[in-house]
């Protein structure tokens, strides 16, 4: 599997927490990224469509009648596997001594 782009990884992380509608995903991605990733509506829904095509995300019913008009998305079992694989890859990279040293250097400056 190819490494995932950061915005795709963040969307999968957000959906791993709980199913959500598009605007909820957008807000939680912004929070998780410290504001570094701010998905526009068009880009977000194109990304969700790609994730659906891969079988990583699926449309689900909203949690209550008030939210029923919004389309909600959930992480599929295949999406959870892809997310776990990427998390292992990122974790392994981050644990490399030279990467850890560079990260510490960046925090010191």
PDB file of N, CA and C in Angstrom:
ATOM      1  N   UNK A   1       0.840  -1.183   0.000  1.00  0.00           N
ATOM      2  CA  UNK A   1       0.000   0.000   0.000  1.00  0.00           C
ATOM      3  C   UNK A   1       0.885   1.246   0.000  1.00  0.00           C
ATOM      4  N   UNK A   2       0.532   2.196  -0.812  1.00  0.00           N
ATOM      5  CA  UNK A   2       1.238   3.471  -0.880  1.00  0.00           C
ATOM      6  C   UNK A   2       0.963   4.288   0.382  1.00  0.00           C
ATOM      7  N   UNK A   3       1.904   5.126   0.805  1.00  0.00           N
ATOM      8  CA  UNK A   3       1.637   6.018   1.932  1.00  0.00           C
ATOM      9  C   UNK A   3       0.418   6.901   1.640  1.00  0.00           C
ATOM     10  N   UNK A   4      -0.349   7.191   2.660  1.00  0.00           N
ATOM     11  CA  UNK A   4      -1.539   8.024   2.484  1.00  0.00           C
ATOM     12  C   UNK A   4      -1.187   9.501   2.602  1.00  0.00           C
ATOM     13  N   UNK A   5      -1.817  10.345   1.798  1.00  0.00           N
ATOM     14  CA  UNK A   5      -1.642  11.782   1.980  1.00  0.00           C
ATOM     15  C   UNK A   5      -2.163  12.179   3.373  1.00  0.00           C
ATOM     16  N   UNK A   6      -1.551  13.177   3.995  1.00  0.00           N
ATOM     17  CA  UNK A   6      -1.964  13.572   5.348  1.00  0.00           C
ATOM     18  C   UNK A   6      -3.462  13.858   5.488  1.00  0.00           C
ATOM     19  N   UNK A   7      -4.068  14.534   4.516  1.00  0.00           N
ATOM     20  CA  UNK A   7      -5.491  14.868   4.643  1.00  0.00           C
ATOM     21  C   UNK A   7      -6.354  13.601   4.617  1.00  0.00           C
ATOM     22  N   UNK A   8      -5.951  12.593   3.848  1.00  0.00           N
ATOM     23  CA  UNK A   8      -6.696  11.342   3.799  1.00  0.00           C
ATOM     24  C   UNK A   8      -6.548  10.591   5.125  1.00  0.00           C
ATOM     25  N   UNK A   9      -5.339  10.567   5.651  1.00  0.00           N
ATOM     26  CA  UNK A   9      -5.083   9.921   6.935  1.00  0.00           C
ATOM     27  C   UNK A   9      -5.911  10.586   8.029  1.00  0.00           C
ATOM     28  N   UNK A  10      -5.966  11.907   8.026  1.00  0.00           N
ATOM     29  CA  UNK A  10      -6.741  12.634   9.039  1.00  0.00           C
ATOM     30  C   UNK A  10      -8.234  12.338   8.939  1.00  0.00           C
ATOM     31  N   UNK A  11      -8.776  12.262   7.739  1.00  0.00           N
ATOM     32  CA  UNK A  11     -10.202  11.941   7.581  1.00  0.00           C
ATOM     33  C   UNK A  11     -10.482  10.543   8.128  1.00  0.00           C
ATOM     34  N   UNK A  12      -9.619   9.589   7.824  1.00  0.00           N
ATOM     35  CA  UNK A  12      -9.804   8.238   8.346  1.00  0.00           C
ATOM     36  C   UNK A  12      -9.693   8.223   9.874  1.00  0.00           C
ATOM     37  N   UNK A  13      -8.753   8.984  10.428  1.00  0.00           N
ATOM     38  CA  UNK A  13      -8.621   9.067  11.883  1.00  0.00           C
ATOM     39  C   UNK A  13      -9.893   9.618  12.524  1.00  0.00           C
ATOM     40  N   UNK A  14     -10.431  10.659  11.925  1.00  0.00           N
ATOM     41  CA  UNK A  14     -11.653  11.283  12.444  1.00  0.00           C
ATOM     42  C   UNK A  14     -12.812  10.287  12.395  1.00  0.00           C
ATOM     43  N   UNK A  15     -12.942   9.571  11.296  1.00  0.00           N
ATOM     44  CA  UNK A  15     -14.044   8.608  11.173  1.00  0.00           C
ATOM     45  C   UNK A  15     -13.815   7.374  12.041  1.00  0.00           C
ATOM     46  N   UNK A  16     -12.581   7.132  12.440  1.00  0.00           N
ATOM     47  CA  UNK A  16     -12.312   6.035  13.367  1.00  0.00           C
ATOM     48  C   UNK A  16     -12.895   6.352  14.750  1.00  0.00           C
ATOM     49  N   UNK A  17     -12.971   7.630  15.078  1.00  0.00           N
ATOM     50  CA  UNK A  17     -13.539   8.058  16.361  1.00  0.00           C
ATOM     51  C   UNK A  17     -15.041   7.807  16.389  1.00  0.00           C
ATOM     52  N   UNK A  18     -15.725   8.236  15.312  1.00  0.00           N
ATOM     53  CA  UNK A  18     -17.174   8.083  15.209  1.00  0.00           C
ATOM     54  C   UNK A  18     -17.632   8.493  13.815  1.00  0.00           C
ATOM     55  N   UNK A  19     -18.760   7.954  13.354  1.00  0.00           N
ATOM     56  CA  UNK A  19     -19.317   8.390  12.066  1.00  0.00           C
ATOM     57  C   UNK A  19     -19.652   9.885  12.137  1.00  0.00           C
ATOM     58  N   UNK A  20     -19.646  10.531  10.990  1.00  0.00           N
ATOM     59  CA  UNK A  20     -19.921  11.964  10.964  1.00  0.00           C
ATOM     60  C   UNK A  20     -20.381  12.392   9.578  1.00  0.00           C
ATOM     61  N   UNK A  21     -21.000  13.577   9.533  1.00  0.00           N
ATOM     62  CA  UNK A  21     -21.359  14.202   8.261  1.00  0.00           C
ATOM     63  C   UNK A  21     -20.172  15.050   7.794  1.00  0.00           C
ATOM     64  N   UNK A  22     -20.239  15.507   6.566  1.00  0.00           N
ATOM     65  CA  UNK A  22     -19.125  16.222   5.952  1.00  0.00           C
ATOM     66  C   UNK A  22     -18.616  17.403   6.754  1.00  0.00           C
ATOM     67  N   UNK A  23     -19.519  18.266   7.212  1.00  0.00           N
ATOM     68  CA  UNK A  23     -19.081  19.455   7.951  1.00  0.00           C
ATOM     69  C   UNK A  23     -18.419  19.042   9.270  1.00  0.00           C
ATOM     70  N   UNK A  24     -18.944  18.014   9.918  1.00  0.00           N
ATOM     71  CA  UNK A  24     -18.332  17.520  11.152  1.00  0.00           C
ATOM     72  C   UNK A  24     -16.930  16.984  10.897  1.00  0.00           C
ATOM     73  N   UNK A  25     -16.757  16.276   9.785  1.00  0.00           N
ATOM     74  CA  UNK A  25     -15.432  15.771   9.408  1.00  0.00           C
ATOM     75  C   UNK A  25     -14.483  16.939   9.202  1.00  0.00           C
ATOM     76  N   UNK A  26     -14.936  17.935   8.455  1.00  0.00           N
ATOM     77  CA  UNK A  26     -14.110  19.125   8.167  1.00  0.00           C
ATOM     78  C   UNK A  26     -13.640  19.786   9.456  1.00  0.00           C
ATOM     79  N   UNK A  27     -14.560  19.992  10.394  1.00  0.00           N
ATOM     80  CA  UNK A  27     -14.212  20.659  11.656  1.00  0.00           C
ATOM     81  C   UNK A  27     -13.229  19.828  12.476  1.00  0.00           C
ATOM     82  N   UNK A  28     -13.452  18.523  12.558  1.00  0.00           N
ATOM     83  CA  UNK A  28     -12.587  17.682  13.382  1.00  0.00           C
ATOM     84  C   UNK A  28     -11.204  17.491  12.760  1.00  0.00           C
ATOM     85  N   UNK A  29     -11.126  17.482  11.424  1.00  0.00           N
ATOM     86  CA  UNK A  29      -9.821  17.418  10.763  1.00  0.00           C
ATOM     87  C   UNK A  29      -9.030  18.693  11.084  1.00  0.00           C
ATOM     88  N   UNK A  30      -9.692  19.834  11.032  1.00  0.00           N
ATOM     89  CA  UNK A  30      -9.015  21.099  11.350  1.00  0.00           C
ATOM     90  C   UNK A  30      -8.487  21.088  12.787  1.00  0.00           C
ATOM     91  N   UNK A  31      -9.286  20.594  13.714  1.00  0.00           N
ATOM     92  CA  UNK A  31      -8.857  20.527  15.116  1.00  0.00           C
ATOM     93  C   UNK A  31      -7.683  19.566  15.276  1.00  0.00           C
ATOM     94  N   UNK A  32      -7.807  18.364  14.703  1.00  0.00           N
ATOM     95  CA  UNK A  32      -6.739  17.355  14.844  1.00  0.00           C
ATOM     96  C   UNK A  32      -5.431  17.822  14.237  1.00  0.00           C
ATOM     97  N   UNK A  33      -5.508  18.639  13.189  1.00  0.00           N
ATOM     98  CA  UNK A  33      -4.286  19.096  12.521  1.00  0.00           C
ATOM     99  C   UNK A  33      -3.789  20.427  13.080  1.00  0.00           C
ATOM    100  N   UNK A  34      -4.428  20.920  14.129  1.00  0.00           N
ATOM    101  CA  UNK A  34      -4.032  22.221  14.681  1.00  0.00           C
ATOM    102  C   UNK A  34      -4.274  23.347  13.709  1.00  0.00           C
ATOM    103  N   UNK A  35      -5.249  23.170  12.819  1.00  0.00           N
ATOM    104  CA  UNK A  35      -5.581  24.188  11.831  1.00  0.00           C
ATOM    105  C   UNK A  35      -4.755  24.120  10.557  1.00  0.00           C
ATOM    106  N   UNK A  36      -3.804  23.209  10.508  1.00  0.00           N
ATOM    107  CA  UNK A  36      -2.929  23.106   9.329  1.00  0.00           C
ATOM    108  C   UNK A  36      -3.668  22.565   8.114  1.00  0.00           C
ATOM    109  N   UNK A  37      -4.697  21.741   8.336  1.00  0.00           N
ATOM    110  CA  UNK A  37      -5.475  21.182   7.227  1.00  0.00           C
ATOM    111  C   UNK A  37      -6.894  21.718   7.327  1.00  0.00           C
ATOM    112  N   UNK A  38      -7.261  22.519   6.344  1.00  0.00           N
ATOM    113  CA  UNK A  38      -8.604  23.096   6.277  1.00  0.00           C
ATOM    114  C   UNK A  38      -9.202  22.686   4.935  1.00  0.00           C
ATOM    115  N   UNK A  39      -9.989  21.624   4.953  1.00  0.00           N
ATOM    116  CA  UNK A  39     -10.553  21.072   3.722  1.00  0.00           C
ATOM    117  C   UNK A  39     -11.716  21.925   3.221  1.00  0.00           C
ATOM    118  N   UNK A  40     -11.686  22.294   1.949  1.00  0.00           N
ATOM    119  CA  UNK A  40     -12.844  22.979   1.371  1.00  0.00           C
ATOM    120  C   UNK A  40     -13.889  21.907   1.045  1.00  0.00           C
ATOM    121  N   UNK A  41     -15.136  22.339   0.928  1.00  0.00           N
ATOM    122  CA  UNK A  41     -16.246  21.395   0.745  1.00  0.00           C
ATOM    123  C   UNK A  41     -16.047  20.508  -0.485  1.00  0.00           C
ATOM    124  N   UNK A  42     -15.679  21.102  -1.603  1.00  0.00           N
ATOM    125  CA  UNK A  42     -15.498  20.319  -2.828  1.00  0.00           C
ATOM    126  C   UNK A  42     -14.405  19.286  -2.683  1.00  0.00           C
ATOM    127  N   UNK A  43     -13.277  19.691  -2.125  1.00  0.00           N
ATOM    128  CA  UNK A  43     -12.163  18.765  -1.927  1.00  0.00           C
ATOM    129  C   UNK A  43     -12.509  17.659  -0.956  1.00  0.00           C
ATOM    130  N   UNK A  44     -13.237  18.009   0.104  1.00  0.00           N
ATOM    131  CA  UNK A  44     -13.637  17.005   1.090  1.00  0.00           C
ATOM    132  C   UNK A  44     -14.539  15.952   0.458  1.00  0.00           C
ATOM    133  N   UNK A  45     -15.546  16.388  -0.295  1.00  0.00           N
ATOM    134  CA  UNK A  45     -16.476  15.409  -0.868  1.00  0.00           C
ATOM    135  C   UNK A  45     -15.844  14.595  -1.991  1.00  0.00           C
ATOM    136  N   UNK A  46     -14.868  15.158  -2.707  1.00  0.00           N
ATOM    137  CA  UNK A  46     -14.117  14.353  -3.690  1.00  0.00           C
ATOM    138  C   UNK A  46     -13.287  13.295  -2.961  1.00  0.00           C
ATOM    139  N   UNK A  47     -12.690  13.694  -1.840  1.00  0.00           N
ATOM    140  CA  UNK A  47     -11.904  12.753  -1.047  1.00  0.00           C
ATOM    141  C   UNK A  47     -12.797  11.641  -0.490  1.00  0.00           C
ATOM    142  N   UNK A  48     -13.948  12.008   0.040  1.00  0.00           N
ATOM    143  CA  UNK A  48     -14.881  11.007   0.561  1.00  0.00           C
ATOM    144  C   UNK A  48     -15.300  10.048  -0.554  1.00  0.00           C
ATOM    145  N   UNK A  49     -15.546  10.566  -1.746  1.00  0.00           N
ATOM    146  CA  UNK A  49     -15.923   9.712  -2.879  1.00  0.00           C
ATOM    147  C   UNK A  49     -14.804   8.716  -3.196  1.00  0.00           C
ATOM    148  N   UNK A  50     -13.546   9.173  -3.169  1.00  0.00           N
ATOM    149  CA  UNK A  50     -12.414   8.264  -3.417  1.00  0.00           C
ATOM    150  C   UNK A  50     -12.335   7.193  -2.325  1.00  0.00           C
ATOM    151  N   UNK A  51     -12.571   7.601  -1.088  1.00  0.00           N
ATOM    152  CA  UNK A  51     -12.541   6.643   0.020  1.00  0.00           C
ATOM    153  C   UNK A  51     -13.670   5.621  -0.102  1.00  0.00           C
ATOM    154  N   UNK A  52     -14.830   6.078  -0.571  1.00  0.00           N
ATOM    155  CA  UNK A  52     -15.955   5.154  -0.805  1.00  0.00           C
ATOM    156  C   UNK A  52     -15.607   4.174  -1.924  1.00  0.00           C
ATOM    157  N   UNK A  53     -14.982   4.674  -3.007  1.00  0.00           N
ATOM    158  CA  UNK A  53     -14.599   3.809  -4.121  1.00  0.00           C
ATOM    159  C   UNK A  53     -13.629   2.718  -3.669  1.00  0.00           C
ATOM    160  N   UNK A  54     -12.753   3.037  -2.742  1.00  0.00           N
ATOM    161  CA  UNK A  54     -11.795   2.060  -2.220  1.00  0.00           C
ATOM    162  C   UNK A  54     -12.438   1.102  -1.226  1.00  0.00           C
ATOM    163  N   UNK A  55     -13.649   1.426  -0.804  1.00  0.00           N
ATOM    164  CA  UNK A  55     -14.328   0.595   0.184  1.00  0.00           C
ATOM    165  C   UNK A  55     -13.899   0.890   1.605  1.00  0.00           C
ATOM    166  N   UNK A  56     -13.249   2.025   1.833  1.00  0.00           N
ATOM    167  CA  UNK A  56     -12.747   2.387   3.156  1.00  0.00           C
ATOM    168  C   UNK A  56     -13.767   3.155   3.989  1.00  0.00           C
ATOM    169  N   UNK A  57     -14.716   3.788   3.313  1.00  0.00           N
ATOM    170  CA  UNK A  57     -15.738   4.609   3.978  1.00  0.00           C
ATOM    171  C   UNK A  57     -17.078   4.221   3.381  1.00  0.00           C
ATOM    172  N   UNK A  58     -18.111   4.245   4.218  1.00  0.00           N
ATOM    173  CA  UNK A  58     -19.460   3.935   3.725  1.00  0.00           C
ATOM    174  C   UNK A  58     -20.461   4.923   4.310  1.00  0.00           C
ATOM    175  N   UNK A  59     -21.504   5.188   3.537  1.00  0.00           N
ATOM    176  CA  UNK A  59     -22.580   6.061   4.012  1.00  0.00           C
ATOM    177  C   UNK A  59     -23.408   5.288   5.032  1.00  0.00           C
ATOM    178  N   UNK A  60     -23.793   5.972   6.107  1.00  0.00           N
ATOM    179  CA  UNK A  60     -24.605   5.367   7.164  1.00  0.00           C
ATOM    180  C   UNK A  60     -25.714   6.338   7.557  1.00  0.00           C
ATOM    181  N   UNK A  61     -26.696   5.832   8.271  1.00  0.00           N
ATOM    182  CA  UNK A  61     -27.778   6.680   8.761  1.00  0.00           C
ATOM    183  C   UNK A  61     -27.261   7.613   9.852  1.00  0.00           C
ATOM    184  N   UNK A  62     -27.842   8.813   9.911  1.00  0.00           N
ATOM    185  CA  UNK A  62     -27.497   9.760  10.962  1.00  0.00           C
ATOM    186  C   UNK A  62     -27.957   9.263  12.315  1.00  0.00           C
ATOM    187  N   UNK A  63     -27.384   9.805  13.382  1.00  0.00           N
ATOM    188  CA  UNK A  63     -27.695   9.312  14.722  1.00  0.00           C
ATOM    189  C   UNK A  63     -29.095   9.664  15.222  1.00  0.00           C
ATOM    190  N   UNK A  64     -29.711  10.696  14.650  1.00  0.00           N
ATOM    191  CA  UNK A  64     -31.050  11.074  15.118  1.00  0.00           C
ATOM    192  C   UNK A  64     -31.835  11.727  13.986  1.00  0.00           C
ATOM    193  N   UNK A  65     -33.117  11.918  14.194  1.00  0.00           N
ATOM    194  CA  UNK A  65     -33.999  12.462  13.153  1.00  0.00           C
ATOM    195  C   UNK A  65     -33.583  13.860  12.730  1.00  0.00           C
ATOM    196  N   UNK A  66     -33.085  14.648  13.664  1.00  0.00           N
ATOM    197  CA  UNK A  66     -32.666  16.022  13.360  1.00  0.00           C
ATOM    198  C   UNK A  66     -31.512  16.038  12.360  1.00  0.00           C
ATOM    199  N   UNK A  67     -30.646  15.041  12.445  1.00  0.00           N
ATOM    200  CA  UNK A  67     -29.484  14.953  11.568  1.00  0.00           C
ATOM    201  C   UNK A  67     -29.727  14.074  10.346  1.00  0.00           C
ATOM    202  N   UNK A  68     -30.940  13.579  10.176  1.00  0.00           N
ATOM    203  CA  UNK A  68     -31.231  12.618   9.104  1.00  0.00           C
ATOM    204  C   UNK A  68     -31.047  13.223   7.711  1.00  0.00           C
ATOM    205  N   UNK A  69     -31.194  14.537   7.579  1.00  0.00           N
ATOM    206  CA  UNK A  69     -31.064  15.148   6.249  1.00  0.00           C
ATOM    207  C   UNK A  69     -29.610  15.195   5.763  1.00  0.00           C
ATOM    208  N   UNK A  70     -28.666  15.065   6.664  1.00  0.00           N
ATOM    209  CA  UNK A  70     -27.252  15.077   6.300  1.00  0.00           C
ATOM    210  C   UNK A  70     -26.766  13.646   6.055  1.00  0.00           C
ATOM    211  N   UNK A  71     -25.929  13.497   5.059  1.00  0.00           N
ATOM    212  CA  UNK A  71     -25.341  12.187   4.778  1.00  0.00           C
ATOM    213  C   UNK A  71     -24.174  11.980   5.745  1.00  0.00           C
ATOM    214  N   UNK A  72     -24.182  10.871   6.434  1.00  0.00           N
ATOM    215  CA  UNK A  72     -23.123  10.541   7.381  1.00  0.00           C
ATOM    216  C   UNK A  72     -22.226   9.455   6.789  1.00  0.00           C
ATOM    217  N   UNK A  73     -20.996   9.443   7.252  1.00  0.00           N
ATOM    218  CA  UNK A  73     -20.012   8.489   6.761  1.00  0.00           C
ATOM    219  C   UNK A  73     -19.365   7.786   7.947  1.00  0.00           C
ATOM    220  N   UNK A  74     -19.032   6.512   7.733  1.00  0.00           N
ATOM    221  CA  UNK A  74     -18.365   5.714   8.757  1.00  0.00           C
ATOM    222  C   UNK A  74     -17.192   4.978   8.131  1.00  0.00           C
ATOM    223  N   UNK A  75     -16.228   4.675   8.947  1.00  0.00           N
ATOM    224  CA  UNK A  75     -15.086   3.890   8.519  1.00  0.00           C
ATOM    225  C   UNK A  75     -15.524   2.436   8.378  1.00  0.00           C
ATOM    226  N   UNK A  76     -15.211   1.821   7.256  1.00  0.00           N
ATOM    227  CA  UNK A  76     -15.544   0.401   7.045  1.00  0.00           C
ATOM    228  C   UNK A  76     -14.432  -0.454   7.659  1.00  0.00           C
ATOM    229  N   UNK A  77     -14.665  -1.759   7.783  1.00  0.00           N
ATOM    230  CA  UNK A  77     -13.588  -2.639   8.264  1.00  0.00           C
ATOM    231  C   UNK A  77     -12.329  -2.554   7.387  1.00  0.00           C
ATOM    232  N   UNK A  78     -12.503  -2.458   6.080  1.00  0.00           N
ATOM    233  CA  UNK A  78     -11.361  -2.318   5.179  1.00  0.00           C
ATOM    234  C   UNK A  78     -10.649  -0.981   5.410  1.00  0.00           C
ATOM    235  N   UNK A  79     -11.422   0.066   5.678  1.00  0.00           N
ATOM    236  CA  UNK A  79     -10.836   1.371   5.987  1.00  0.00           C
ATOM    237  C   UNK A  79     -10.050   1.342   7.282  1.00  0.00           C
ATOM    238  N   UNK A  80     -10.555   0.605   8.265  1.00  0.00           N
ATOM    239  CA  UNK A  80      -9.844   0.472   9.554  1.00  0.00           C
ATOM    240  C   UNK A  80      -8.509  -0.237   9.333  1.00  0.00           C
ATOM    241  N   UNK A  81      -8.496  -1.248   8.455  1.00  0.00           N
ATOM    242  CA  UNK A  81      -7.242  -1.941   8.137  1.00  0.00           C
ATOM    243  C   UNK A  81      -6.247  -0.998   7.470  1.00  0.00           C
ATOM    244  N   UNK A  82      -6.727  -0.192   6.526  1.00  0.00           N
ATOM    245  CA  UNK A  82      -5.851   0.767   5.840  1.00  0.00           C
ATOM    246  C   UNK A  82      -5.313   1.802   6.821  1.00  0.00           C
ATOM    247  N   UNK A  83      -6.166   2.277   7.709  1.00  0.00           N
ATOM    248  CA  UNK A  83      -5.746   3.252   8.720  1.00  0.00           C
ATOM    249  C   UNK A  83      -4.700   2.641   9.648  1.00  0.00           C
ATOM    250  N   UNK A  84      -4.919   1.420  10.092  1.00  0.00           N
ATOM    251  CA  UNK A  84      -3.962   0.756  10.981  1.00  0.00           C
ATOM    252  C   UNK A  84      -2.622   0.551  10.285  1.00  0.00           C
ATOM    253  N   UNK A  85      -2.656   0.177   9.011  1.00  0.00           N
ATOM    254  CA  UNK A  85      -1.410  -0.018   8.258  1.00  0.00           C
ATOM    255  C   UNK A  85      -0.641   1.292   8.145  1.00  0.00           C
ATOM    256  N   UNK A  86      -1.338   2.379   7.865  1.00  0.00           N
ATOM    257  CA  UNK A  86      -0.671   3.679   7.758  1.00  0.00           C
ATOM    258  C   UNK A  86      -0.155   4.132   9.116  1.00  0.00           C
ATOM    259  N   UNK A  87      -0.910   3.875  10.184  1.00  0.00           N
ATOM    260  CA  UNK A  87      -0.461   4.251  11.527  1.00  0.00           C
ATOM    261  C   UNK A  87       0.824   3.491  11.885  1.00  0.00           C
ATOM    262  N   UNK A  88       0.892   2.219  11.515  1.00  0.00           N
ATOM    263  CA  UNK A  88       2.118   1.441  11.759  1.00  0.00           C
ATOM    264  C   UNK A  88       3.288   2.025  10.974  1.00  0.00           C
ATOM    265  N   UNK A  89       3.032   2.397   9.723  1.00  0.00           N
ATOM    266  CA  UNK A  89       4.098   2.963   8.885  1.00  0.00           C
ATOM    267  C   UNK A  89       4.623   4.264   9.478  1.00  0.00           C
ATOM    268  N   UNK A  90       3.710   5.147   9.866  1.00  0.00           N
ATOM    269  CA  UNK A  90       4.087   6.449  10.430  1.00  0.00           C
ATOM    270  C   UNK A  90       4.813   6.252  11.766  1.00  0.00           C
ATOM    271  N   UNK A  91       4.310   5.350  12.581  1.00  0.00           N
ATOM    272  CA  UNK A  91       4.931   5.082  13.880  1.00  0.00           C
ATOM    273  C   UNK A  91       6.354   4.558  13.712  1.00  0.00           C
ATOM    274  N   UNK A  92       6.522   3.658  12.756  1.00  0.00           N
ATOM    275  CA  UNK A  92       7.852   3.112  12.507  1.00  0.00           C
ATOM    276  C   UNK A  92       8.804   4.215  12.044  1.00  0.00           C
ATOM    277  N   UNK A  93       8.340   5.066  11.145  1.00  0.00           N
ATOM    278  CA  UNK A  93       9.182   6.170  10.676  1.00  0.00           C
ATOM    279  C   UNK A  93       9.557   7.098  11.822  1.00  0.00           C
ATOM    280  N   UNK A  94       8.570   7.429  12.650  1.00  0.00           N
ATOM    281  CA  UNK A  94       8.806   8.373  13.748  1.00  0.00           C
ATOM    282  C   UNK A  94       9.748   7.808  14.801  1.00  0.00           C
ATOM    283  N   UNK A  95       9.835   6.476  14.894  1.00  0.00           N
ATOM    284  CA  UNK A  95      10.696   5.876  15.910  1.00  0.00           C
ATOM    285  C   UNK A  95      12.139   5.717  15.448  1.00  0.00           C
ATOM    286  N   UNK A  96      12.411   5.997  14.189  1.00  0.00           N
ATOM    287  CA  UNK A  96      13.785   5.938  13.697  1.00  0.00           C
ATOM    288  C   UNK A  96      14.616   6.990  14.439  1.00  0.00           C
ATOM    289  N   UNK A  97      15.799   6.636  14.929  1.00  0.00           N
ATOM    290  CA  UNK A  97      16.591   7.575  15.722  1.00  0.00           C
ATOM    291  C   UNK A  97      16.875   8.907  15.027  1.00  0.00           C
ATOM    292  N   UNK A  98      17.194   8.870  13.743  1.00  0.00           N
ATOM    293  CA  UNK A  98      17.506  10.128  13.064  1.00  0.00           C
ATOM    294  C   UNK A  98      16.262  10.998  12.903  1.00  0.00           C
ATOM    295  N   UNK A  99      15.100  10.387  12.721  1.00  0.00           N
ATOM    296  CA  UNK A  99      13.852  11.148  12.612  1.00  0.00           C
ATOM    297  C   UNK A  99      13.506  11.766  13.966  1.00  0.00           C
ATOM    298  N   UNK A 100      13.643  10.977  15.028  1.00  0.00           N
ATOM    299  CA  UNK A 100      13.376  11.491  16.372  1.00  0.00           C
ATOM    300  C   UNK A 100      14.311  12.658  16.700  1.00  0.00           C
ATOM    301  N   UNK A 101      15.571  12.542  16.307  1.00  0.00           N
ATOM    302  CA  UNK A 101      16.532  13.619  16.566  1.00  0.00           C
ATOM    303  C   UNK A 101      16.154  14.877  15.803  1.00  0.00           C
ATOM    304  N   UNK A 102      15.742  14.719  14.548  1.00  0.00           N
ATOM    305  CA  UNK A 102      15.318  15.883  13.760  1.00  0.00           C
ATOM    306  C   UNK A 102      14.087  16.545  14.361  1.00  0.00           C
ATOM    307  N   UNK A 103      13.144  15.735  14.819  1.00  0.00           N
ATOM    308  CA  UNK A 103      11.929  16.273  15.424  1.00  0.00           C
ATOM    309  C   UNK A 103      12.265  17.042  16.698  1.00  0.00           C
ATOM    310  N   UNK A 104      13.161  16.502  17.516  1.00  0.00           N
ATOM    311  CA  UNK A 104      13.576  17.173  18.742  1.00  0.00           C
ATOM    312  C   UNK A 104      14.293  18.472  18.427  1.00  0.00           C
ATOM    313  N   UNK A 105      15.100  18.468  17.378  1.00  0.00           N
ATOM    314  CA  UNK A 105      15.804  19.669  16.940  1.00  0.00           C
ATOM    315  C   UNK A 105      14.831  20.758  16.554  1.00  0.00           C
ATOM    316  N   UNK A 106      13.768  20.367  15.858  1.00  0.00           N
ATOM    317  CA  UNK A 106      12.742  21.330  15.434  1.00  0.00           C
ATOM    318  C   UNK A 106      12.009  21.941  16.617  1.00  0.00           C
ATOM    319  N   UNK A 107      11.802  21.171  17.674  1.00  0.00           N
ATOM    320  CA  UNK A 107      11.119  21.685  18.864  1.00  0.00           C
ATOM    321  C   UNK A 107      12.005  22.634  19.638  1.00  0.00           C
ATOM    322  N   UNK A 108      13.305  22.417  19.584  1.00  0.00           N
ATOM    323  CA  UNK A 108      14.246  23.250  20.349  1.00  0.00           C
ATOM    324  C   UNK A 108      14.415  24.623  19.723  1.00  0.00           C
ATOM    325  N   UNK A 109      14.175  24.714  18.416  1.00  0.00           N
ATOM    326  CA  UNK A 109      14.438  25.969  17.709  1.00  0.00           C
ATOM    327  C   UNK A 109      13.253  26.796  17.680  1.00  0.00           C
TER     328      UNK A 109
END
